[in-house]
Amino acid sequence: MIKLIIFDMDGLMFDTERLSNTCWLEVCHSYDYNVPEALLNETKGATVQFAREKYNGFFGEEFPFNELYQKKADRMRNYIKKYGVPQKRGLASCLEWAKEKGMYLALASSSCRDSIDFYLDKTNLSDAFNLVVSGDQVEAGKPHPEIFQTCCANCGVEAGQTLVLEDSYNGILAANRAGIKVVWIPDIAIVPDEGKKLIYRQIPDLTFIPQFVEAELSLL
């Protein structure tokens, strides 16, 4: 029986990956850096530290990652302050169903805690989760399993009684390495064939989670 559901945030709860891509590419282009799609996708769902290493490795140590990342974050915040955070289909009903079933709910995102709190505040979801773990609260972020292991430990739930909801390859890898079943809900991040072999199920969106869990996982 599933006792804990762990949600990713960007691309899973909120339709923010497209905005993130647009802001990041615009900022990089303004500094005459053209980011290849492969590099952009490789860092999806990963921590800032992981992304910094990848970009500095590709462009060289002179690449002003911190400066550009802050400019991207500022652009995103300005957009969200004006237009709000676009929520993914089925988020509200999925959270409500899980609470009615008495499940623990955790949010495990590679984003920094400040960004997570900002998004949750803007969507009135600050009290929706029993636990929130950010990328800057763990030693090793996704694709390392620590963030999911931390959720299980803090909620007192075993990996076998946990379900992870993810949209990115790095998140899928992290869940698999933690020994947790992972449901892939595709967004814009590319998941290679080797990643698709690691998922427990693929479903279209969050509206299908209640039916899926009750039909397939309630007796496990």
C-alpha atoms as a PDB file:
ATOM      1  CA  MET A   1       0.000   0.000   0.000  1.00  0.00           C
ATOM      2  CA  ILE A   2       1.264   3.452  -0.893  1.00  0.00           C
ATOM      3  CA  LYS A   3       1.650   5.696   2.161  1.00  0.00           C
ATOM      4  CA  LEU A   4       3.794   8.481   0.715  1.00  0.00           C
ATOM      5  CA  ILE A   5       3.631  10.286  -2.622  1.00  0.00           C
ATOM      6  CA  ILE A   6       6.586  12.481  -3.560  1.00  0.00           C
ATOM      7  CA  PHE A   7       5.990  15.215  -6.112  1.00  0.00           C
ATOM      8  CA  ASP A   8       8.558  16.916  -8.274  1.00  0.00           C
ATOM      9  CA  MET A   9       7.725  20.594  -8.866  1.00  0.00           C
ATOM     10  CA  ASP A  10       8.776  22.203 -12.169  1.00  0.00           C
ATOM     11  CA  GLY A  11       7.216  20.401 -15.109  1.00  0.00           C
ATOM     12  CA  LEU A  12       5.209  18.112 -12.815  1.00  0.00           C
ATOM     13  CA  MET A  13       3.139  20.366 -10.561  1.00  0.00           C
ATOM     14  CA  PHE A  14       3.674  23.611 -12.423  1.00  0.00           C
ATOM     15  CA  ASP A  15       3.987  24.299 -16.132  1.00  0.00           C
ATOM     16  CA  THR A  16       7.163  26.315 -15.627  1.00  0.00           C
ATOM     17  CA  GLU A  17       9.770  24.435 -17.661  1.00  0.00           C
ATOM     18  CA  ARG A  18       8.881  26.250 -20.879  1.00  0.00           C
ATOM     19  CA  LEU A  19       9.152  29.598 -19.134  1.00  0.00           C
ATOM     20  CA  SER A  20      12.453  28.543 -17.589  1.00  0.00           C
ATOM     21  CA  ASN A  21      13.838  27.500 -20.971  1.00  0.00           C
ATOM     22  CA  THR A  22      12.759  30.737 -22.621  1.00  0.00           C
ATOM     23  CA  CYS A  23      14.218  32.960 -19.909  1.00  0.00           C
ATOM     24  CA  TRP A  24      17.466  30.997 -19.723  1.00  0.00           C
ATOM     25  CA  LEU A  25      18.050  30.944 -23.474  1.00  0.00           C
ATOM     26  CA  GLU A  26      17.276  34.661 -23.770  1.00  0.00           C
ATOM     27  CA  VAL A  27      19.695  35.558 -20.985  1.00  0.00           C
ATOM     28  CA  CYS A  28      22.452  33.333 -22.375  1.00  0.00           C
ATOM     29  CA  HIS A  29      21.935  34.711 -25.883  1.00  0.00           C
ATOM     30  CA  SER A  30      22.244  38.268 -24.556  1.00  0.00           C
ATOM     31  CA  TYR A  31      25.768  37.287 -23.451  1.00  0.00           C
ATOM     32  CA  ASP A  32      26.481  35.640 -26.835  1.00  0.00           C
ATOM     33  CA  TYR A  33      26.182  32.081 -25.542  1.00  0.00           C
ATOM     34  CA  ASN A  34      24.167  29.657 -27.662  1.00  0.00           C
ATOM     35  CA  VAL A  35      23.026  26.746 -25.513  1.00  0.00           C
ATOM     36  CA  PRO A  36      22.676  23.404 -27.338  1.00  0.00           C
ATOM     37  CA  GLU A  37      19.482  21.465 -26.749  1.00  0.00           C
ATOM     38  CA  ALA A  38      21.388  18.457 -25.411  1.00  0.00           C
ATOM     39  CA  LEU A  39      22.970  20.540 -22.640  1.00  0.00           C
ATOM     40  CA  LEU A  40      19.645  22.169 -21.811  1.00  0.00           C
ATOM     41  CA  ASN A  41      17.960  18.792 -21.444  1.00  0.00           C
ATOM     42  CA  GLU A  42      20.847  17.195 -19.548  1.00  0.00           C
ATOM     43  CA  THR A  43      20.391  19.664 -16.708  1.00  0.00           C
ATOM     44  CA  LYS A  44      16.590  19.416 -16.469  1.00  0.00           C
ATOM     45  CA  GLY A  45      15.486  18.303 -13.030  1.00  0.00           C
ATOM     46  CA  ALA A  46      18.984  18.710 -11.605  1.00  0.00           C
ATOM     47  CA  THR A  47      20.328  21.070  -8.959  1.00  0.00           C
ATOM     48  CA  VAL A  48      21.929  24.437  -9.621  1.00  0.00           C
ATOM     49  CA  GLN A  49      25.291  22.969  -8.613  1.00  0.00           C
ATOM     50  CA  PHE A  50      24.935  20.143 -11.134  1.00  0.00           C
ATOM     51  CA  ALA A  51      23.932  22.575 -13.885  1.00  0.00           C
ATOM     52  CA  ARG A  52      26.820  24.917 -13.052  1.00  0.00           C
ATOM     53  CA  GLU A  53      29.320  22.082 -13.437  1.00  0.00           C
ATOM     54  CA  LYS A  54      27.844  21.036 -16.777  1.00  0.00           C
ATOM     55  CA  TYR A  55      27.777  24.567 -18.216  1.00  0.00           C
ATOM     56  CA  ASN A  56      31.267  25.406 -17.009  1.00  0.00           C
ATOM     57  CA  GLY A  57      32.454  22.120 -18.445  1.00  0.00           C
ATOM     58  CA  PHE A  58      30.911  22.927 -21.819  1.00  0.00           C
ATOM     59  CA  PHE A  59      31.648  26.659 -22.149  1.00  0.00           C
ATOM     60  CA  GLY A  60      34.663  26.892 -19.849  1.00  0.00           C
ATOM     61  CA  GLU A  61      35.212  28.271 -16.375  1.00  0.00           C
ATOM     62  CA  GLU A  62      34.751  31.817 -17.679  1.00  0.00           C
ATOM     63  CA  PHE A  63      31.049  31.127 -18.265  1.00  0.00           C
ATOM     64  CA  PRO A  64      29.286  33.482 -15.772  1.00  0.00           C
ATOM     65  CA  PHE A  65      26.788  30.891 -14.592  1.00  0.00           C
ATOM     66  CA  ASN A  66      25.806  32.504 -11.291  1.00  0.00           C
ATOM     67  CA  GLU A  67      25.194  35.890 -12.889  1.00  0.00           C
ATOM     68  CA  LEU A  68      23.132  34.457 -15.738  1.00  0.00           C
ATOM     69  CA  TYR A  69      21.177  32.156 -13.453  1.00  0.00           C
ATOM     70  CA  GLN A  70      20.189  35.075 -11.236  1.00  0.00           C
ATOM     71  CA  LYS A  71      19.050  37.072 -14.265  1.00  0.00           C
ATOM     72  CA  LYS A  72      16.959  34.113 -15.406  1.00  0.00           C
ATOM     73  CA  ALA A  73      15.435  33.746 -11.945  1.00  0.00           C
ATOM     74  CA  ASP A  74      14.589  37.455 -11.868  1.00  0.00           C
ATOM     75  CA  ARG A  75      12.848  37.230 -15.238  1.00  0.00           C
ATOM     76  CA  MET A  76      10.810  34.252 -14.123  1.00  0.00           C
ATOM     77  CA  ARG A  77       9.757  35.912 -10.882  1.00  0.00           C
ATOM     78  CA  ASN A  78       8.705  39.074 -12.668  1.00  0.00           C
ATOM     79  CA  TYR A  79       6.593  37.024 -15.068  1.00  0.00           C
ATOM     80  CA  ILE A  80       4.991  35.014 -12.267  1.00  0.00           C
ATOM     81  CA  LYS A  81       4.266  38.105 -10.193  1.00  0.00           C
ATOM     82  CA  LYS A  82       2.364  39.473 -13.168  1.00  0.00           C
ATOM     83  CA  TYR A  83       0.680  36.353 -14.554  1.00  0.00           C
ATOM     84  CA  GLY A  84       0.803  33.781 -11.746  1.00  0.00           C
ATOM     85  CA  VAL A  85       2.103  30.203 -11.700  1.00  0.00           C
ATOM     86  CA  PRO A  86       0.522  27.928 -14.334  1.00  0.00           C
ATOM     87  CA  GLN A  87      -0.561  24.696 -12.623  1.00  0.00           C
ATOM     88  CA  LYS A  88      -0.542  21.350 -14.365  1.00  0.00           C
ATOM     89  CA  ARG A  89      -3.826  19.593 -15.058  1.00  0.00           C
ATOM     90  CA  GLY A  90      -5.148  17.569 -12.140  1.00  0.00           C
ATOM     91  CA  LEU A  91      -2.830  18.950  -9.459  1.00  0.00           C
ATOM     92  CA  ALA A  92      -5.531  20.236  -7.110  1.00  0.00           C
ATOM     93  CA  SER A  93      -7.710  17.123  -7.364  1.00  0.00           C
ATOM     94  CA  CYS A  94      -4.714  14.809  -6.922  1.00  0.00           C
ATOM     95  CA  LEU A  95      -3.583  16.576  -3.752  1.00  0.00           C
ATOM     96  CA  GLU A  96      -7.122  16.586  -2.364  1.00  0.00           C
ATOM     97  CA  TRP A  97      -7.558  12.868  -3.058  1.00  0.00           C
ATOM     98  CA  ALA A  98      -4.243  11.954  -1.411  1.00  0.00           C
ATOM     99  CA  LYS A  99      -5.117  13.944   1.704  1.00  0.00           C
ATOM    100  CA  GLU A 100      -8.521  12.273   1.935  1.00  0.00           C
ATOM    101  CA  LYS A 101      -6.752   8.906   1.811  1.00  0.00           C
ATOM    102  CA  GLY A 102      -4.478   9.936   4.671  1.00  0.00           C
ATOM    103  CA  MET A 103      -1.281   9.727   2.646  1.00  0.00           C
ATOM    104  CA  TYR A 104       1.874  11.633   3.403  1.00  0.00           C
ATOM    105  CA  LEU A 105       2.684  14.210   0.740  1.00  0.00           C
ATOM    106  CA  ALA A 106       6.207  15.418   0.059  1.00  0.00           C
ATOM    107  CA  LEU A 107       7.660  17.818  -2.466  1.00  0.00           C
ATOM    108  CA  ALA A 108      11.201  17.030  -3.619  1.00  0.00           C
ATOM    109  CA  SER A 109      12.564  19.576  -6.069  1.00  0.00           C
ATOM    110  CA  SER A 110      16.029  20.430  -7.335  1.00  0.00           C
ATOM    111  CA  SER A 111      15.059  24.102  -7.133  1.00  0.00           C
ATOM    112  CA  CYS A 112      16.325  26.166  -4.215  1.00  0.00           C
ATOM    113  CA  ARG A 113      14.063  26.491  -1.182  1.00  0.00           C
ATOM    114  CA  ASP A 114      13.444  30.179  -1.794  1.00  0.00           C
ATOM    115  CA  SER A 115      12.020  29.463  -5.257  1.00  0.00           C
ATOM    116  CA  ILE A 116       9.876  26.605  -3.986  1.00  0.00           C
ATOM    117  CA  ASP A 117       8.398  28.740  -1.224  1.00  0.00           C
ATOM    118  CA  PHE A 118       7.725  31.523  -3.729  1.00  0.00           C
ATOM    119  CA  TYR A 119       5.801  29.175  -6.043  1.00  0.00           C
ATOM    120  CA  LEU A 120       3.855  27.538  -3.223  1.00  0.00           C
ATOM    121  CA  ASP A 121       2.899  30.916  -1.820  1.00  0.00           C
ATOM    122  CA  LYS A 122       1.702  32.148  -5.211  1.00  0.00           C
ATOM    123  CA  THR A 123      -0.467  29.040  -5.652  1.00  0.00           C
ATOM    124  CA  ASN A 124      -1.766  28.907  -2.058  1.00  0.00           C
ATOM    125  CA  LEU A 125      -0.158  25.494  -1.579  1.00  0.00           C
ATOM    126  CA  SER A 126       2.229  26.356   1.250  1.00  0.00           C
ATOM    127  CA  ASP A 127       0.362  24.002   3.604  1.00  0.00           C
ATOM    128  CA  ALA A 128      -0.323  21.253   1.078  1.00  0.00           C
ATOM    129  CA  PHE A 129       2.715  19.102   1.893  1.00  0.00           C
ATOM    130  CA  ASN A 130       3.868  17.320   5.015  1.00  0.00           C
ATOM    131  CA  LEU A 131       7.454  17.812   3.903  1.00  0.00           C
ATOM    132  CA  VAL A 132       9.356  19.942   1.401  1.00  0.00           C
ATOM    133  CA  VAL A 133      12.963  19.131   0.476  1.00  0.00           C
ATOM    134  CA  SER A 134      14.866  21.395  -1.908  1.00  0.00           C
ATOM    135  CA  GLY A 135      18.033  20.937  -3.899  1.00  0.00           C
ATOM    136  CA  ASP A 136      19.994  23.187  -1.558  1.00  0.00           C
ATOM    137  CA  GLN A 137      18.973  21.119   1.482  1.00  0.00           C
ATOM    138  CA  VAL A 138      20.797  17.950   0.402  1.00  0.00           C
ATOM    139  CA  GLU A 139      24.445  17.163  -0.197  1.00  0.00           C
ATOM    140  CA  ALA A 140      23.815  15.545  -3.580  1.00  0.00           C
ATOM    141  CA  GLY A 141      20.834  16.427  -5.764  1.00  0.00           C
ATOM    142  CA  LYS A 142      19.096  14.476  -8.501  1.00  0.00           C
ATOM    143  CA  PRO A 143      20.091  12.164 -10.161  1.00  0.00           C
ATOM    144  CA  HIS A 144      21.509  11.106  -6.773  1.00  0.00           C
ATOM    145  CA  PRO A 145      18.796   9.424  -4.646  1.00  0.00           C
ATOM    146  CA  GLU A 146      19.458  11.443  -1.461  1.00  0.00           C
ATOM    147  CA  ILE A 147      16.517  13.816  -1.848  1.00  0.00           C
ATOM    148  CA  PHE A 148      14.028  10.936  -2.082  1.00  0.00           C
ATOM    149  CA  GLN A 149      15.728   8.973   0.674  1.00  0.00           C
ATOM    150  CA  THR A 150      15.436  12.061   2.871  1.00  0.00           C
ATOM    151  CA  CYS A 151      11.694  12.258   2.207  1.00  0.00           C
ATOM    152  CA  CYS A 152      11.169   8.620   3.163  1.00  0.00           C
ATOM    153  CA  ALA A 153      13.281   8.909   6.304  1.00  0.00           C
ATOM    154  CA  ASN A 154      11.609  12.100   7.528  1.00  0.00           C
ATOM    155  CA  CYS A 155       8.115  10.728   6.903  1.00  0.00           C
ATOM    156  CA  GLY A 156       8.956   7.355   8.435  1.00  0.00           C
ATOM    157  CA  VAL A 157       7.858   5.490   5.307  1.00  0.00           C
ATOM    158  CA  GLU A 158       9.767   2.722   3.533  1.00  0.00           C
ATOM    159  CA  ALA A 159      10.764   3.030  -0.117  1.00  0.00           C
ATOM    160  CA  GLY A 160       8.440   0.160  -1.027  1.00  0.00           C
ATOM    161  CA  GLN A 161       5.468   2.136   0.316  1.00  0.00           C
ATOM    162  CA  THR A 162       6.375   5.262  -1.621  1.00  0.00           C
ATOM    163  CA  LEU A 163       5.559   6.564  -5.085  1.00  0.00           C
ATOM    164  CA  VAL A 164       7.507   9.277  -6.916  1.00  0.00           C
ATOM    165  CA  LEU A 165       5.935  11.448  -9.622  1.00  0.00           C
ATOM    166  CA  GLU A 166       8.489  12.830 -12.079  1.00  0.00           C
ATOM    167  CA  ASP A 167       8.833  14.399 -15.506  1.00  0.00           C
ATOM    168  CA  SER A 168      12.626  14.423 -15.984  1.00  0.00           C
ATOM    169  CA  TYR A 169      15.293  11.811 -16.615  1.00  0.00           C
ATOM    170  CA  ASN A 170      17.365  13.005 -13.650  1.00  0.00           C
ATOM    171  CA  GLY A 171      14.347  12.585 -11.380  1.00  0.00           C
ATOM    172  CA  ILE A 172      13.599   9.126 -12.753  1.00  0.00           C
ATOM    173  CA  LEU A 173      17.204   8.077 -12.156  1.00  0.00           C
ATOM    174  CA  ALA A 174      17.131   9.392  -8.589  1.00  0.00           C
ATOM    175  CA  ALA A 175      13.903   7.563  -7.737  1.00  0.00           C
ATOM    176  CA  ASN A 176      15.131   4.324  -9.267  1.00  0.00           C
ATOM    177  CA  ARG A 177      18.396   4.529  -7.338  1.00  0.00           C
ATOM    178  CA  ALA A 178      16.389   5.063  -4.148  1.00  0.00           C
ATOM    179  CA  GLY A 179      14.433   1.880  -4.852  1.00  0.00           C
ATOM    180  CA  ILE A 180      11.140   3.754  -5.259  1.00  0.00           C
ATOM    181  CA  LYS A 181       8.499   3.193  -7.916  1.00  0.00           C
ATOM    182  CA  VAL A 182       8.366   6.175 -10.235  1.00  0.00           C
ATOM    183  CA  VAL A 183       5.523   7.316 -12.459  1.00  0.00           C
ATOM    184  CA  TRP A 184       6.591   9.367 -15.442  1.00  0.00           C
ATOM    185  CA  ILE A 185       4.279  12.195 -16.477  1.00  0.00           C
ATOM    186  CA  PRO A 186       5.905  13.632 -19.611  1.00  0.00           C
ATOM    187  CA  ASP A 187       6.484  17.346 -19.997  1.00  0.00           C
ATOM    188  CA  ILE A 188       9.115  18.925 -22.271  1.00  0.00           C
ATOM    189  CA  ALA A 189      12.177  17.192 -20.795  1.00  0.00           C
ATOM    190  CA  ILE A 190      13.456  14.405 -23.027  1.00  0.00           C
ATOM    191  CA  VAL A 191      13.707  10.993 -21.377  1.00  0.00           C
ATOM    192  CA  PRO A 192      15.908   8.536 -23.313  1.00  0.00           C
ATOM    193  CA  ASP A 193      14.946   4.922 -23.870  1.00  0.00           C
ATOM    194  CA  GLU A 194      17.182   3.744 -21.019  1.00  0.00           C
ATOM    195  CA  GLY A 195      15.260   6.066 -18.702  1.00  0.00           C
ATOM    196  CA  LYS A 196      11.889   4.816 -19.877  1.00  0.00           C
ATOM    197  CA  LYS A 197      12.939   1.300 -18.882  1.00  0.00           C
ATOM    198  CA  LEU A 198      13.224   2.483 -15.263  1.00  0.00           C
ATOM    199  CA  ILE A 199       9.695   3.819 -14.856  1.00  0.00           C
ATOM    200  CA  TYR A 200       6.881   1.867 -13.243  1.00  0.00           C
ATOM    201  CA  ARG A 201       4.200   3.504 -15.372  1.00  0.00           C
ATOM    202  CA  GLN A 202       3.731   6.388 -17.770  1.00  0.00           C
ATOM    203  CA  ILE A 203       0.515   8.378 -17.451  1.00  0.00           C
ATOM    204  CA  PRO A 204      -0.704  11.510 -19.256  1.00  0.00           C
ATOM    205  CA  ASP A 205      -1.288  13.833 -16.297  1.00  0.00           C
ATOM    206  CA  LEU A 206      -2.059  14.049 -12.586  1.00  0.00           C
ATOM    207  CA  THR A 207      -5.785  13.432 -13.010  1.00  0.00           C
ATOM    208  CA  PHE A 208      -4.989   9.734 -13.543  1.00  0.00           C
ATOM    209  CA  ILE A 209      -3.021   9.268 -10.303  1.00  0.00           C
ATOM    210  CA  PRO A 210      -5.965   8.408  -7.985  1.00  0.00           C
ATOM    211  CA  GLN A 211      -7.328   5.740 -10.309  1.00  0.00           C
ATOM    212  CA  PHE A 212      -3.863   4.350 -11.001  1.00  0.00           C
ATOM    213  CA  VAL A 213      -2.886   4.067  -7.335  1.00  0.00           C
ATOM    214  CA  GLU A 214      -6.193   2.561  -6.227  1.00  0.00           C
ATOM    215  CA  ALA A 215      -6.323   0.088  -9.114  1.00  0.00           C
ATOM    216  CA  GLU A 216      -2.694  -1.038  -9.257  1.00  0.00           C
ATOM    217  CA  LEU A 217      -0.916  -0.194  -6.014  1.00  0.00           C
ATOM    218  CA  SER A 218      -3.458  -0.378  -3.191  1.00  0.00           C
ATOM    219  CA  LEU A 219      -2.665  -4.019  -2.434  1.00  0.00           C
ATOM    220  CA  LEU A 220       1.122  -3.834  -2.808  1.00  0.00           C
END
